[in-house]
C-alpha atoms as a PDB file:
ATOM      1  CA  UNK A   1     137.474  52.158 144.161  1.00  0.00           C
ATOM      2  CA  UNK A   2     138.480  48.745 145.435  1.00  0.00           C
ATOM      3  CA  UNK A   3     141.989  48.680 143.954  1.00  0.00           C
ATOM      4  CA  UNK A   4     145.054  50.868 144.449  1.00  0.00           C
ATOM      5  CA  UNK A   5     146.448  52.779 141.497  1.00  0.00           C
ATOM      6  CA  UNK A   6     149.348  50.338 141.220  1.00  0.00           C
ATOM      7  CA  UNK A   7     146.996  47.353 141.242  1.00  0.00           C
ATOM      8  CA  UNK A   8     144.938  48.867 138.421  1.00  0.00           C
ATOM      9  CA  UNK A   9     148.090  49.612 136.430  1.00  0.00           C
ATOM     10  CA  UNK A  10     149.241  46.030 136.848  1.00  0.00           C
ATOM     11  CA  UNK A  11     145.852  44.600 135.840  1.00  0.00           C
ATOM     12  CA  UNK A  12     145.472  46.827 132.786  1.00  0.00           C
ATOM     13  CA  UNK A  13     149.057  46.369 131.666  1.00  0.00           C
ATOM     14  CA  UNK A  14     149.375  42.599 131.735  1.00  0.00           C
ATOM     15  CA  UNK A  15     146.439  40.306 130.982  1.00  0.00           C
ATOM     16  CA  UNK A  16     143.500  39.983 128.635  1.00  0.00           C
ATOM     17  CA  UNK A  17     141.095  42.915 128.905  1.00  0.00           C
ATOM     18  CA  UNK A  18     137.369  42.292 128.370  1.00  0.00           C
ATOM     19  CA  UNK A  19     134.816  44.729 127.005  1.00  0.00           C
ATOM     20  CA  UNK A  20     131.278  43.412 127.515  1.00  0.00           C
ATOM     21  CA  UNK A  21     128.438  44.405 125.242  1.00  0.00           C
ATOM     22  CA  UNK A  22     125.528  46.192 126.890  1.00  0.00           C
ATOM     23  CA  UNK A  23     122.290  44.218 127.183  1.00  0.00           C
ATOM     24  CA  UNK A  24     119.103  45.706 125.758  1.00  0.00           C
ATOM     25  CA  UNK A  25     115.671  44.098 125.907  1.00  0.00           C
ATOM     26  CA  UNK A  26     113.252  43.685 122.994  1.00  0.00           C
ATOM     27  CA  UNK A  27     112.124  47.282 123.481  1.00  0.00           C
ATOM     28  CA  UNK A  28     115.692  48.573 123.322  1.00  0.00           C
ATOM     29  CA  UNK A  29     115.922  49.362 127.045  1.00  0.00           C
ATOM     30  CA  UNK A  30     118.782  48.365 129.334  1.00  0.00           C
ATOM     31  CA  UNK A  31     118.264  44.819 130.583  1.00  0.00           C
ATOM     32  CA  UNK A  32     119.824  44.653 134.040  1.00  0.00           C
ATOM     33  CA  UNK A  33     119.221  40.986 134.757  1.00  0.00           C
ATOM     34  CA  UNK A  34     120.702  39.840 131.448  1.00  0.00           C
ATOM     35  CA  UNK A  35     123.698  42.128 131.997  1.00  0.00           C
ATOM     36  CA  UNK A  36     124.284  40.713 135.484  1.00  0.00           C
ATOM     37  CA  UNK A  37     124.427  37.191 134.042  1.00  0.00           C
ATOM     38  CA  UNK A  38     126.823  38.329 131.314  1.00  0.00           C
ATOM     39  CA  UNK A  39     129.238  39.900 133.758  1.00  0.00           C
ATOM     40  CA  UNK A  40     129.200  36.864 136.042  1.00  0.00           C
ATOM     41  CA  UNK A  41     130.018  34.702 133.008  1.00  0.00           C
ATOM     42  CA  UNK A  42     132.801  37.086 131.943  1.00  0.00           C
ATOM     43  CA  UNK A  43     134.646  36.966 135.243  1.00  0.00           C
ATOM     44  CA  UNK A  44     134.540  33.172 135.336  1.00  0.00           C
ATOM     45  CA  UNK A  45     137.281  33.314 132.656  1.00  0.00           C
ATOM     46  CA  UNK A  46     140.947  34.287 132.849  1.00  0.00           C
ATOM     47  CA  UNK A  47     140.823  38.047 132.364  1.00  0.00           C
ATOM     48  CA  UNK A  48     142.493  40.885 134.235  1.00  0.00           C
ATOM     49  CA  UNK A  49     140.038  43.825 134.041  1.00  0.00           C
ATOM     50  CA  UNK A  50     136.518  44.603 132.838  1.00  0.00           C
ATOM     51  CA  UNK A  51     135.794  47.731 130.780  1.00  0.00           C
ATOM     52  CA  UNK A  52     132.059  48.436 130.948  1.00  0.00           C
ATOM     53  CA  UNK A  53     130.087  50.834 128.733  1.00  0.00           C
ATOM     54  CA  UNK A  54     133.045  51.037 126.375  1.00  0.00           C
ATOM     55  CA  UNK A  55     132.987  51.222 122.599  1.00  0.00           C
ATOM     56  CA  UNK A  56     131.816  47.609 122.347  1.00  0.00           C
ATOM     57  CA  UNK A  57     129.319  48.433 125.102  1.00  0.00           C
ATOM     58  CA  UNK A  58     127.866  51.309 123.033  1.00  0.00           C
ATOM     59  CA  UNK A  59     128.913  54.142 125.345  1.00  0.00           C
ATOM     60  CA  UNK A  60     128.043  56.549 122.534  1.00  0.00           C
ATOM     61  CA  UNK A  61     124.425  55.323 122.646  1.00  0.00           C
ATOM     62  CA  UNK A  62     123.804  55.489 126.399  1.00  0.00           C
ATOM     63  CA  UNK A  63     122.130  58.137 128.518  1.00  0.00           C
ATOM     64  CA  UNK A  64     123.857  59.251 131.702  1.00  0.00           C
ATOM     65  CA  UNK A  65     121.201  57.517 133.791  1.00  0.00           C
ATOM     66  CA  UNK A  66     121.632  54.249 131.914  1.00  0.00           C
ATOM     67  CA  UNK A  67     125.366  54.604 132.349  1.00  0.00           C
ATOM     68  CA  UNK A  68     125.008  55.081 136.114  1.00  0.00           C
ATOM     69  CA  UNK A  69     122.973  51.889 136.328  1.00  0.00           C
ATOM     70  CA  UNK A  70     125.417  49.917 134.168  1.00  0.00           C
ATOM     71  CA  UNK A  71     128.445  50.906 136.237  1.00  0.00           C
ATOM     72  CA  UNK A  72     126.625  50.295 139.521  1.00  0.00           C
ATOM     73  CA  UNK A  73     125.561  46.827 138.400  1.00  0.00           C
ATOM     74  CA  UNK A  74     129.071  46.013 137.194  1.00  0.00           C
ATOM     75  CA  UNK A  75     130.661  47.041 140.482  1.00  0.00           C
ATOM     76  CA  UNK A  76     128.120  44.955 142.395  1.00  0.00           C
ATOM     77  CA  UNK A  77     128.524  41.823 140.270  1.00  0.00           C
ATOM     78  CA  UNK A  78     132.301  41.936 139.934  1.00  0.00           C
ATOM     79  CA  UNK A  79     132.527  42.691 143.664  1.00  0.00           C
ATOM     80  CA  UNK A  80     136.222  43.486 143.884  1.00  0.00           C
ATOM     81  CA  UNK A  81     137.405  40.436 141.942  1.00  0.00           C
ATOM     82  CA  UNK A  82     138.769  42.580 139.093  1.00  0.00           C
ATOM     83  CA  UNK A  83     139.135  46.308 138.425  1.00  0.00           C
ATOM     84  CA  UNK A  84     136.111  47.900 136.770  1.00  0.00           C
ATOM     85  CA  UNK A  85     136.831  50.618 134.210  1.00  0.00           C
ATOM     86  CA  UNK A  86     133.958  52.673 132.760  1.00  0.00           C
ATOM     87  CA  UNK A  87     133.980  55.332 130.021  1.00  0.00           C
ATOM     88  CA  UNK A  88     133.712  59.108 129.907  1.00  0.00           C
ATOM     89  CA  UNK A  89     133.954  61.770 127.246  1.00  0.00           C
ATOM     90  CA  UNK A  90     131.966  63.648 124.562  1.00  0.00           C
ATOM     91  CA  UNK A  91     132.693  67.127 126.009  1.00  0.00           C
ATOM     92  CA  UNK A  92     134.475  68.489 129.070  1.00  0.00           C
ATOM     93  CA  UNK A  93     131.267  68.884 131.068  1.00  0.00           C
ATOM     94  CA  UNK A  94     129.754  65.605 129.886  1.00  0.00           C
ATOM     95  CA  UNK A  95     133.052  63.899 130.573  1.00  0.00           C
ATOM     96  CA  UNK A  96     133.086  65.266 134.110  1.00  0.00           C
ATOM     97  CA  UNK A  97     129.527  64.043 134.653  1.00  0.00           C
ATOM     98  CA  UNK A  98     130.314  60.531 133.444  1.00  0.00           C
ATOM     99  CA  UNK A  99     133.519  60.443 135.487  1.00  0.00           C
ATOM    100  CA  UNK A 100     131.647  61.552 138.608  1.00  0.00           C
ATOM    101  CA  UNK A 101     128.967  58.914 138.037  1.00  0.00           C
ATOM    102  CA  UNK A 102     131.636  56.232 137.627  1.00  0.00           C
ATOM    103  CA  UNK A 103     133.433  57.383 140.768  1.00  0.00           C
ATOM    104  CA  UNK A 104     130.210  57.434 142.790  1.00  0.00           C
ATOM    105  CA  UNK A 105     129.348  53.925 141.603  1.00  0.00           C
ATOM    106  CA  UNK A 106     132.715  52.629 142.780  1.00  0.00           C
ATOM    107  CA  UNK A 107     134.556  52.168 139.473  1.00  0.00           C
ATOM    108  CA  UNK A 108     138.330  51.894 139.583  1.00  0.00           C
ATOM    109  CA  UNK A 109     138.924  54.075 136.559  1.00  0.00           C
ATOM    110  CA  UNK A 110     137.614  55.630 133.367  1.00  0.00           C
ATOM    111  CA  UNK A 111     138.498  55.212 129.734  1.00  0.00           C
ATOM    112  CA  UNK A 112     138.475  58.751 128.381  1.00  0.00           C
ATOM    113  CA  UNK A 113     136.846  58.803 124.949  1.00  0.00           C
ATOM    114  CA  UNK A 114     137.518  61.469 122.284  1.00  0.00           C
ATOM    115  CA  UNK A 115     135.507  64.695 122.142  1.00  0.00           C
ATOM    116  CA  UNK A 116     132.326  64.738 120.112  1.00  0.00           C
ATOM    117  CA  UNK A 117     132.473  65.623 116.398  1.00  0.00           C
ATOM    118  CA  UNK A 118     134.757  68.626 116.041  1.00  0.00           C
ATOM    119  CA  UNK A 119     138.315  68.765 114.765  1.00  0.00           C
ATOM    120  CA  UNK A 120     140.712  69.427 117.632  1.00  0.00           C
ATOM    121  CA  UNK A 121     144.120  71.098 118.011  1.00  0.00           C
ATOM    122  CA  UNK A 122     146.693  69.295 120.131  1.00  0.00           C
ATOM    123  CA  UNK A 123     146.744  71.854 122.944  1.00  0.00           C
ATOM    124  CA  UNK A 124     142.943  71.794 123.044  1.00  0.00           C
ATOM    125  CA  UNK A 125     142.903  68.008 123.354  1.00  0.00           C
ATOM    126  CA  UNK A 126     145.373  68.156 126.224  1.00  0.00           C
ATOM    127  CA  UNK A 127     143.187  70.704 127.976  1.00  0.00           C
ATOM    128  CA  UNK A 128     140.025  68.635 127.345  1.00  0.00           C
ATOM    129  CA  UNK A 129     141.653  65.606 128.937  1.00  0.00           C
ATOM    130  CA  UNK A 130     143.299  67.573 131.742  1.00  0.00           C
ATOM    131  CA  UNK A 131     140.058  69.148 132.895  1.00  0.00           C
ATOM    132  CA  UNK A 132     138.292  65.780 133.032  1.00  0.00           C
ATOM    133  CA  UNK A 133     141.256  64.147 134.795  1.00  0.00           C
ATOM    134  CA  UNK A 134     141.303  66.947 137.351  1.00  0.00           C
ATOM    135  CA  UNK A 135     137.587  66.491 138.056  1.00  0.00           C
ATOM    136  CA  UNK A 136     137.925  62.957 139.421  1.00  0.00           C
ATOM    137  CA  UNK A 137     139.986  60.921 141.847  1.00  0.00           C
ATOM    138  CA  UNK A 138     139.729  57.713 139.791  1.00  0.00           C
ATOM    139  CA  UNK A 139     142.389  56.457 137.403  1.00  0.00           C
ATOM    140  CA  UNK A 140     142.180  57.617 133.789  1.00  0.00           C
ATOM    141  CA  UNK A 141     143.205  55.842 130.599  1.00  0.00           C
ATOM    142  CA  UNK A 142     143.201  58.086 127.535  1.00  0.00           C
ATOM    143  CA  UNK A 143     141.740  56.556 124.363  1.00  0.00           C
ATOM    144  CA  UNK A 144     143.869  57.771 121.449  1.00  0.00           C
ATOM    145  CA  UNK A 145     141.319  57.456 118.688  1.00  0.00           C
ATOM    146  CA  UNK A 146     139.194  59.295 116.130  1.00  0.00           C
ATOM    147  CA  UNK A 147     139.393  63.057 116.397  1.00  0.00           C
ATOM    148  CA  UNK A 148     141.164  62.822 119.758  1.00  0.00           C
ATOM    149  CA  UNK A 149     144.571  61.484 118.710  1.00  0.00           C
ATOM    150  CA  UNK A 150     147.416  62.949 120.758  1.00  0.00           C
ATOM    151  CA  UNK A 151     150.999  63.001 119.516  1.00  0.00           C
ATOM    152  CA  UNK A 152     153.970  62.047 121.687  1.00  0.00           C
ATOM    153  CA  UNK A 153     154.603  65.574 122.942  1.00  0.00           C
ATOM    154  CA  UNK A 154     150.951  66.018 123.939  1.00  0.00           C
ATOM    155  CA  UNK A 155     150.804  62.657 125.731  1.00  0.00           C
ATOM    156  CA  UNK A 156     153.895  63.679 127.683  1.00  0.00           C
ATOM    157  CA  UNK A 157     152.310  67.025 128.607  1.00  0.00           C
ATOM    158  CA  UNK A 158     149.129  65.335 129.781  1.00  0.00           C
ATOM    159  CA  UNK A 159     151.058  62.752 131.793  1.00  0.00           C
ATOM    160  CA  UNK A 160     153.064  65.538 133.446  1.00  0.00           C
ATOM    161  CA  UNK A 161     149.897  67.463 134.331  1.00  0.00           C
ATOM    162  CA  UNK A 162     147.712  64.609 135.611  1.00  0.00           C
ATOM    163  CA  UNK A 163     148.934  62.175 138.290  1.00  0.00           C
ATOM    164  CA  UNK A 164     145.781  60.058 137.883  1.00  0.00           C
ATOM    165  CA  UNK A 165     146.458  59.465 134.180  1.00  0.00           C
ATOM    166  CA  UNK A 166     147.749  55.893 134.216  1.00  0.00           C
ATOM    167  CA  UNK A 167     147.478  54.708 130.643  1.00  0.00           C
ATOM    168  CA  UNK A 168     147.028  55.228 126.936  1.00  0.00           C
ATOM    169  CA  UNK A 169     144.822  53.004 124.800  1.00  0.00           C
ATOM    170  CA  UNK A 170     145.688  53.026 121.111  1.00  0.00           C
ATOM    171  CA  UNK A 171     142.689  53.117 118.791  1.00  0.00           C
ATOM    172  CA  UNK A 172     144.507  54.191 115.650  1.00  0.00           C
ATOM    173  CA  UNK A 173     146.832  51.315 114.781  1.00  0.00           C
ATOM    174  CA  UNK A 174     149.672  53.616 113.716  1.00  0.00           C
ATOM    175  CA  UNK A 175     152.581  51.582 115.107  1.00  0.00           C
ATOM    176  CA  UNK A 176     155.142  54.263 114.244  1.00  0.00           C
ATOM    177  CA  UNK A 177     153.237  56.959 116.122  1.00  0.00           C
ATOM    178  CA  UNK A 178     152.561  54.659 119.075  1.00  0.00           C
ATOM    179  CA  UNK A 179     156.211  53.642 119.245  1.00  0.00           C
ATOM    180  CA  UNK A 180     157.207  57.315 119.371  1.00  0.00           C
ATOM    181  CA  UNK A 181     154.820  57.831 122.293  1.00  0.00           C
ATOM    182  CA  UNK A 182     156.134  54.788 124.156  1.00  0.00           C
ATOM    183  CA  UNK A 183     159.764  55.799 123.613  1.00  0.00           C
ATOM    184  CA  UNK A 184     159.014  59.393 124.638  1.00  0.00           C
ATOM    185  CA  UNK A 185     156.803  58.827 127.686  1.00  0.00           C
ATOM    186  CA  UNK A 186     158.222  55.472 128.742  1.00  0.00           C
ATOM    187  CA  UNK A 187     156.892  53.580 131.730  1.00  0.00           C
ATOM    188  CA  UNK A 188     155.130  56.626 133.159  1.00  0.00           C
ATOM    189  CA  UNK A 189     152.027  55.129 131.471  1.00  0.00           C
ATOM    190  CA  UNK A 190     150.733  51.664 130.707  1.00  0.00           C
ATOM    191  CA  UNK A 191     149.853  51.029 127.045  1.00  0.00           C
ATOM    192  CA  UNK A 192     146.878  49.070 125.730  1.00  0.00           C
ATOM    193  CA  UNK A 193     146.063  47.957 122.196  1.00  0.00           C
ATOM    194  CA  UNK A 194     142.606  49.116 121.256  1.00  0.00           C
ATOM    195  CA  UNK A 195     141.949  49.080 117.531  1.00  0.00           C
ATOM    196  CA  UNK A 196     138.795  47.191 116.528  1.00  0.00           C
ATOM    197  CA  UNK A 197     139.556  43.446 116.585  1.00  0.00           C
ATOM    198  CA  UNK A 198     142.847  44.257 118.289  1.00  0.00           C
ATOM    199  CA  UNK A 199     144.120  40.691 117.997  1.00  0.00           C
ATOM    200  CA  UNK A 200     145.121  41.335 114.389  1.00  0.00           C
ATOM    201  CA  UNK A 201     147.597  43.932 115.702  1.00  0.00           C
ATOM    202  CA  UNK A 202     148.665  41.902 118.735  1.00  0.00           C
ATOM    203  CA  UNK A 203     152.047  40.759 117.427  1.00  0.00           C
ATOM    204  CA  UNK A 204     152.966  44.271 116.283  1.00  0.00           C
ATOM    205  CA  UNK A 205     151.822  45.712 119.605  1.00  0.00           C
ATOM    206  CA  UNK A 206     153.880  43.197 121.561  1.00  0.00           C
ATOM    207  CA  UNK A 207     157.007  44.020 119.540  1.00  0.00           C
ATOM    208  CA  UNK A 208     157.019  47.594 120.865  1.00  0.00           C
ATOM    209  CA  UNK A 209     156.104  46.752 124.445  1.00  0.00           C
ATOM    210  CA  UNK A 210     152.292  46.756 124.423  1.00  0.00           C
ATOM    211  CA  UNK A 211     151.524  43.588 126.352  1.00  0.00           C
ATOM    212  CA  UNK A 212     147.747  43.597 126.275  1.00  0.00           C
ATOM    213  CA  UNK A 213     144.722  44.686 124.291  1.00  0.00           C
ATOM    214  CA  UNK A 214     140.952  44.892 124.370  1.00  0.00           C
ATOM    215  CA  UNK A 215     139.208  41.766 123.129  1.00  0.00           C
ATOM    216  CA  UNK A 216     135.705  42.307 121.770  1.00  0.00           C
ATOM    217  CA  UNK A 217     135.357  38.764 120.400  1.00  0.00           C
ATOM    218  CA  UNK A 218     135.733  37.531 123.989  1.00  0.00           C
ATOM    219  CA  UNK A 219     131.983  38.237 124.154  1.00  0.00           C
ATOM    220  CA  UNK A 220     131.239  35.137 122.076  1.00  0.00           C
ATOM    221  CA  UNK A 221     134.450  33.076 121.785  1.00  0.00           C
ATOM    222  CA  UNK A 222     136.050  33.599 125.212  1.00  0.00           C
ATOM    223  CA  UNK A 223     138.003  30.344 125.304  1.00  0.00           C
ATOM    224  CA  UNK A 224     139.588  31.022 121.929  1.00  0.00           C
ATOM    225  CA  UNK A 225     140.351  34.618 122.942  1.00  0.00           C
ATOM    226  CA  UNK A 226     142.176  33.412 126.049  1.00  0.00           C
ATOM    227  CA  UNK A 227     143.996  30.699 124.079  1.00  0.00           C
ATOM    228  CA  UNK A 228     145.172  33.283 121.555  1.00  0.00           C
ATOM    229  CA  UNK A 229     146.406  35.641 124.260  1.00  0.00           C
ATOM    230  CA  UNK A 230     148.285  32.891 126.088  1.00  0.00           C
ATOM    231  CA  UNK A 231     149.883  31.735 122.836  1.00  0.00           C
ATOM    232  CA  UNK A 232     150.889  35.294 121.997  1.00  0.00           C
ATOM    233  CA  UNK A 233     152.510  35.909 125.366  1.00  0.00           C
ATOM    234  CA  UNK A 234     154.041  32.440 125.443  1.00  0.00           C
ATOM    235  CA  UNK A 235     155.662  32.847 122.039  1.00  0.00           C
ATOM    236  CA  UNK A 236     153.673  30.043 120.417  1.00  0.00           C
ATOM    237  CA  UNK A 237     153.779  31.441 116.906  1.00  0.00           C
ATOM    238  CA  UNK A 238     152.151  28.412 115.337  1.00  0.00           C
ATOM    239  CA  UNK A 239     148.963  28.794 117.379  1.00  0.00           C
ATOM    240  CA  UNK A 240     148.903  32.557 116.855  1.00  0.00           C
ATOM    241  CA  UNK A 241     149.238  32.055 113.096  1.00  0.00           C
ATOM    242  CA  UNK A 242     146.566  29.370 112.950  1.00  0.00           C
ATOM    243  CA  UNK A 243     143.952  31.354 114.886  1.00  0.00           C
ATOM    244  CA  UNK A 244     144.786  34.496 112.935  1.00  0.00           C
ATOM    245  CA  UNK A 245     144.380  32.716 109.599  1.00  0.00           C
ATOM    246  CA  UNK A 246     141.358  30.601 110.482  1.00  0.00           C
ATOM    247  CA  UNK A 247     139.376  33.104 112.550  1.00  0.00           C
ATOM    248  CA  UNK A 248     140.607  36.695 112.751  1.00  0.00           C
ATOM    249  CA  UNK A 249     141.331  37.365 109.076  1.00  0.00           C
ATOM    250  CA  UNK A 250     137.923  36.086 107.859  1.00  0.00           C
ATOM    251  CA  UNK A 251     136.260  37.835 110.801  1.00  0.00           C
ATOM    252  CA  UNK A 252     137.856  41.140 109.810  1.00  0.00           C
ATOM    253  CA  UNK A 253     136.769  40.598 106.204  1.00  0.00           C
ATOM    254  CA  UNK A 254     133.219  40.154 107.502  1.00  0.00           C
ATOM    255  CA  UNK A 255     133.519  43.126 109.851  1.00  0.00           C
ATOM    256  CA  UNK A 256     134.649  45.421 107.060  1.00  0.00           C
ATOM    257  CA  UNK A 257     131.512  44.799 104.993  1.00  0.00           C
ATOM    258  CA  UNK A 258     129.664  47.583 106.799  1.00  0.00           C
ATOM    259  CA  UNK A 259     130.550  50.454 109.119  1.00  0.00           C
ATOM    260  CA  UNK A 260     129.792  49.722 112.753  1.00  0.00           C
ATOM    261  CA  UNK A 261     130.108  45.965 112.442  1.00  0.00           C
ATOM    262  CA  UNK A 262     132.980  46.019 114.958  1.00  0.00           C
ATOM    263  CA  UNK A 263     130.134  46.279 117.478  1.00  0.00           C
ATOM    264  CA  UNK A 264     127.179  44.750 115.610  1.00  0.00           C
ATOM    265  CA  UNK A 265     128.928  41.452 114.870  1.00  0.00           C
ATOM    266  CA  UNK A 266     129.806  41.101 118.542  1.00  0.00           C
ATOM    267  CA  UNK A 267     126.142  41.312 119.521  1.00  0.00           C
ATOM    268  CA  UNK A 268     125.259  38.876 116.749  1.00  0.00           C
ATOM    269  CA  UNK A 269     127.913  36.472 117.991  1.00  0.00           C
ATOM    270  CA  UNK A 270     126.579  36.654 121.542  1.00  0.00           C
ATOM    271  CA  UNK A 271     123.128  35.775 120.234  1.00  0.00           C
ATOM    272  CA  UNK A 272     124.507  32.826 118.254  1.00  0.00           C
ATOM    273  CA  UNK A 273     126.071  31.246 121.345  1.00  0.00           C
ATOM    274  CA  UNK A 274     122.866  31.622 123.351  1.00  0.00           C
ATOM    275  CA  UNK A 275     123.780  34.747 125.322  1.00  0.00           C
ATOM    276  CA  UNK A 276     121.685  37.384 123.529  1.00  0.00           C
ATOM    277  CA  UNK A 277     121.986  41.062 124.399  1.00  0.00           C
ATOM    278  CA  UNK A 278     119.375  42.490 122.067  1.00  0.00           C
ATOM    279  CA  UNK A 279     120.081  44.604 119.010  1.00  0.00           C
ATOM    280  CA  UNK A 280     122.412  47.538 118.642  1.00  0.00           C
ATOM    281  CA  UNK A 281     120.893  51.004 118.768  1.00  0.00           C
ATOM    282  CA  UNK A 282     120.809  53.345 115.757  1.00  0.00           C
ATOM    283  CA  UNK A 283     122.898  54.526 114.005  1.00  0.00           C
ATOM    284  CA  UNK A 284     124.351  50.993 114.088  1.00  0.00           C
ATOM    285  CA  UNK A 285     122.565  48.130 112.345  1.00  0.00           C
ATOM    286  CA  UNK A 286     122.584  44.367 112.852  1.00  0.00           C
ATOM    287  CA  UNK A 287     124.103  41.929 110.325  1.00  0.00           C
ATOM    288  CA  UNK A 288     122.079  40.255 107.582  1.00  0.00           C
ATOM    289  CA  UNK A 289     121.020  36.574 107.775  1.00  0.00           C
ATOM    290  CA  UNK A 290     123.788  35.702 105.306  1.00  0.00           C
ATOM    291  CA  UNK A 291     126.391  37.461 107.434  1.00  0.00           C
ATOM    292  CA  UNK A 292     125.055  35.730 110.538  1.00  0.00           C
ATOM    293  CA  UNK A 293     125.559  32.397 108.798  1.00  0.00           C
ATOM    294  CA  UNK A 294     129.164  33.301 108.008  1.00  0.00           C
ATOM    295  CA  UNK A 295     129.699  34.252 111.651  1.00  0.00           C
ATOM    296  CA  UNK A 296     128.189  30.950 112.781  1.00  0.00           C
ATOM    297  CA  UNK A 297     130.788  29.143 110.680  1.00  0.00           C
ATOM    298  CA  UNK A 298     133.608  31.154 112.267  1.00  0.00           C
ATOM    299  CA  UNK A 299     132.300  30.421 115.752  1.00  0.00           C
ATOM    300  CA  UNK A 300     132.209  26.733 114.907  1.00  0.00           C
ATOM    301  CA  UNK A 301     135.824  26.929 113.700  1.00  0.00           C
ATOM    302  CA  UNK A 302     136.818  28.714 116.914  1.00  0.00           C
ATOM    303  CA  UNK A 303     135.652  25.752 118.990  1.00  0.00           C
ATOM    304  CA  UNK A 304     138.592  23.723 117.697  1.00  0.00           C
ATOM    305  CA  UNK A 305     141.162  25.967 119.357  1.00  0.00           C
END
């Protein structure tokens, strides 16, 4: 770790958060050199933290050895300029292994993903997260998503049990439930917006004290993503409305045409702008030529912002 806990909290809690896609070559293998170039390009923009091997980075499709390499490369390239947060999860033991690999590689924290597959009781989820938190010295941000959604009482219990739990990332988009958590747990944690294409929720998030979010579209329209975030935080409602209407609403309509496009369209967009990262791995699929053409038109529109 290159940053103190307070420095990571500050970076994650106030600023645009970037989630790079993971580069694969034409054979579907991790492409280190392409990934190095991507990360160097990422940190040339105004962002506050880099979340590697996240949902957009296909954590769910990576082996532990690939993951080790990805986090190591990220720490080397970013070189202390920004906090590096990696992912962990799937099961208690797998989560511990990923957390250990991230810690050994020098990451500043982990984003704790939900357990794999099974339905989970609240006390079981707290125990799942607690055991993984206790296994590592790095900071932990819990991803409240899928089958791993904690209620306010459970988030409080986990925060009380784990000093290295620093944040909660919302992946559900239930503003009522998130507001209950924020009002219950307060500033003990930092809160991050994390639904797919989180910008569409950005105004609602901000209204309850969530100052930042994960931007997947930053992978192919970084300047527009930064412009949107600055307008949001600066109270420029006209710019926020224009970008939302002209880019994010049609993008979401395109994204919702097929499951998994929250990731697949990001890789397609990166290819369109000349920064290809290969195809997604199964079970995800890449967009059709017609959908690519629609995305090209949105990217062209984004250049005007």
